[in-house]
Amino acid sequence: MQITRFGGPEVLDVVDVPEPVPGDGQRLFDVSAAGVDFADSHHLLL
């Protein structure tokens, strides 16, 4: 999901993005789940 503009749930877009590649001195972590809490959703609607 990607948010590119302000608004309600209709601004959540499913997009394909390239696989990230870590740079020198960086690490890449595989995140299998993430959450959105009330503060995140409230901030989105402002």
N, C-alpha and C. Protein backbone atom coordinates (compact mmCIF):
# COMPACT_ATOMS: atom_id res chain seq x y z
N MET A 1 0.84 -1.16 0.00
CA MET A 1 0.00 0.00 0.00
C MET A 1 0.89 1.23 0.00
N GLN A 2 0.43 2.23 -0.71
CA GLN A 2 1.17 3.48 -0.78
C GLN A 2 0.19 4.63 -0.69
N ILE A 3 0.56 5.63 0.08
CA ILE A 3 -0.26 6.84 0.22
C ILE A 3 0.51 7.98 -0.44
N THR A 4 -0.07 8.57 -1.47
CA THR A 4 0.62 9.65 -2.18
C THR A 4 -0.08 11.00 -2.04
N ARG A 5 -1.22 11.01 -1.34
CA ARG A 5 -1.97 12.26 -1.18
C ARG A 5 -2.83 12.16 0.08
N PHE A 6 -3.35 13.27 0.56
CA PHE A 6 -4.21 13.28 1.73
C PHE A 6 -5.60 12.79 1.37
N GLY A 7 -6.29 12.19 2.33
CA GLY A 7 -7.65 11.76 2.10
C GLY A 7 -8.01 10.56 2.95
N GLY A 8 -9.12 9.97 2.64
CA GLY A 8 -9.62 8.81 3.36
C GLY A 8 -9.05 7.53 2.79
N PRO A 9 -9.72 6.41 3.06
CA PRO A 9 -9.23 5.12 2.58
C PRO A 9 -9.07 5.04 1.06
N GLU A 10 -9.75 5.89 0.34
CA GLU A 10 -9.67 5.85 -1.12
C GLU A 10 -8.29 6.26 -1.65
N VAL A 11 -7.45 6.87 -0.81
CA VAL A 11 -6.12 7.27 -1.27
C VAL A 11 -5.09 6.16 -1.07
N LEU A 12 -5.48 5.03 -0.50
CA LEU A 12 -4.57 3.89 -0.35
C LEU A 12 -4.51 3.16 -1.68
N ASP A 13 -3.33 3.12 -2.26
CA ASP A 13 -3.15 2.49 -3.57
C ASP A 13 -2.25 1.27 -3.44
N VAL A 14 -2.63 0.18 -4.11
CA VAL A 14 -1.77 -0.99 -4.20
C VAL A 14 -0.84 -0.78 -5.39
N VAL A 15 0.46 -0.80 -5.14
CA VAL A 15 1.43 -0.53 -6.20
C VAL A 15 2.53 -1.59 -6.18
N ASP A 16 3.14 -1.81 -7.32
CA ASP A 16 4.32 -2.65 -7.43
C ASP A 16 5.54 -1.75 -7.34
N VAL A 17 6.48 -2.14 -6.51
CA VAL A 17 7.72 -1.38 -6.37
C VAL A 17 8.90 -2.33 -6.58
N PRO A 18 10.03 -1.82 -7.01
CA PRO A 18 11.19 -2.69 -7.22
C PRO A 18 11.71 -3.24 -5.89
N GLU A 19 12.36 -4.41 -5.96
CA GLU A 19 12.98 -4.99 -4.78
C GLU A 19 14.06 -4.04 -4.26
N PRO A 20 14.06 -3.75 -2.96
CA PRO A 20 15.09 -2.87 -2.42
C PRO A 20 16.45 -3.56 -2.40
N VAL A 21 17.48 -2.78 -2.57
CA VAL A 21 18.85 -3.29 -2.53
C VAL A 21 19.60 -2.48 -1.48
N PRO A 22 20.13 -3.14 -0.45
CA PRO A 22 20.85 -2.39 0.58
C PRO A 22 22.16 -1.82 0.06
N GLY A 23 22.48 -0.63 0.52
CA GLY A 23 23.74 -0.01 0.16
C GLY A 23 24.84 -0.45 1.10
N ASP A 24 26.03 0.11 0.92
CA ASP A 24 27.16 -0.21 1.79
C ASP A 24 26.84 0.16 3.23
N GLY A 25 27.07 -0.76 4.14
CA GLY A 25 26.82 -0.50 5.56
C GLY A 25 25.36 -0.56 5.95
N GLN A 26 24.48 -0.98 5.06
CA GLN A 26 23.05 -1.07 5.35
C GLN A 26 22.63 -2.53 5.41
N ARG A 27 21.50 -2.78 6.07
CA ARG A 27 20.93 -4.12 6.14
C ARG A 27 19.52 -4.08 5.60
N LEU A 28 19.09 -5.18 5.04
CA LEU A 28 17.74 -5.30 4.50
C LEU A 28 16.99 -6.32 5.34
N PHE A 29 15.84 -5.93 5.89
CA PHE A 29 15.03 -6.80 6.72
C PHE A 29 13.76 -7.17 5.97
N ASP A 30 13.32 -8.41 6.13
CA ASP A 30 12.08 -8.87 5.53
C ASP A 30 10.95 -8.68 6.55
N VAL A 31 10.03 -7.79 6.27
CA VAL A 31 8.89 -7.52 7.15
C VAL A 31 7.69 -8.26 6.60
N SER A 32 7.18 -9.21 7.38
CA SER A 32 6.06 -10.02 6.89
C SER A 32 4.71 -9.46 7.31
N ALA A 33 4.68 -8.57 8.28
CA ALA A 33 3.41 -7.98 8.72
C ALA A 33 3.70 -6.61 9.34
N ALA A 34 2.74 -5.72 9.20
CA ALA A 34 2.85 -4.40 9.80
C ALA A 34 1.46 -3.96 10.22
N GLY A 35 1.38 -3.12 11.21
CA GLY A 35 0.08 -2.68 11.70
C GLY A 35 -0.14 -1.20 11.50
N VAL A 36 -1.39 -0.82 11.51
CA VAL A 36 -1.78 0.58 11.45
C VAL A 36 -2.68 0.82 12.65
N ASP A 37 -2.31 1.77 13.49
CA ASP A 37 -3.13 2.04 14.67
C ASP A 37 -3.96 3.31 14.46
N PHE A 38 -4.72 3.66 15.49
CA PHE A 38 -5.62 4.81 15.38
C PHE A 38 -4.87 6.09 15.03
N ALA A 39 -3.72 6.30 15.64
CA ALA A 39 -2.97 7.54 15.37
C ALA A 39 -2.55 7.62 13.90
N ASP A 40 -2.15 6.49 13.32
CA ASP A 40 -1.79 6.47 11.89
C ASP A 40 -2.99 6.82 11.02
N SER A 41 -4.12 6.20 11.29
CA SER A 41 -5.31 6.46 10.47
C SER A 41 -5.83 7.87 10.69
N HIS A 42 -5.72 8.39 11.90
CA HIS A 42 -6.16 9.76 12.17
C HIS A 42 -5.28 10.75 11.43
N HIS A 43 -3.97 10.50 11.41
CA HIS A 43 -3.03 11.40 10.74
C HIS A 43 -3.27 11.39 9.23
N LEU A 44 -3.65 10.23 8.69
CA LEU A 44 -3.94 10.11 7.27
C LEU A 44 -5.10 10.99 6.84
N LEU A 45 -6.10 11.12 7.70
CA LEU A 45 -7.32 11.83 7.34
C LEU A 45 -7.21 13.35 7.52
N LEU A 46 -6.10 13.82 8.07
CA LEU A 46 -5.98 15.27 8.29
C LEU A 46 -5.67 16.02 7.03
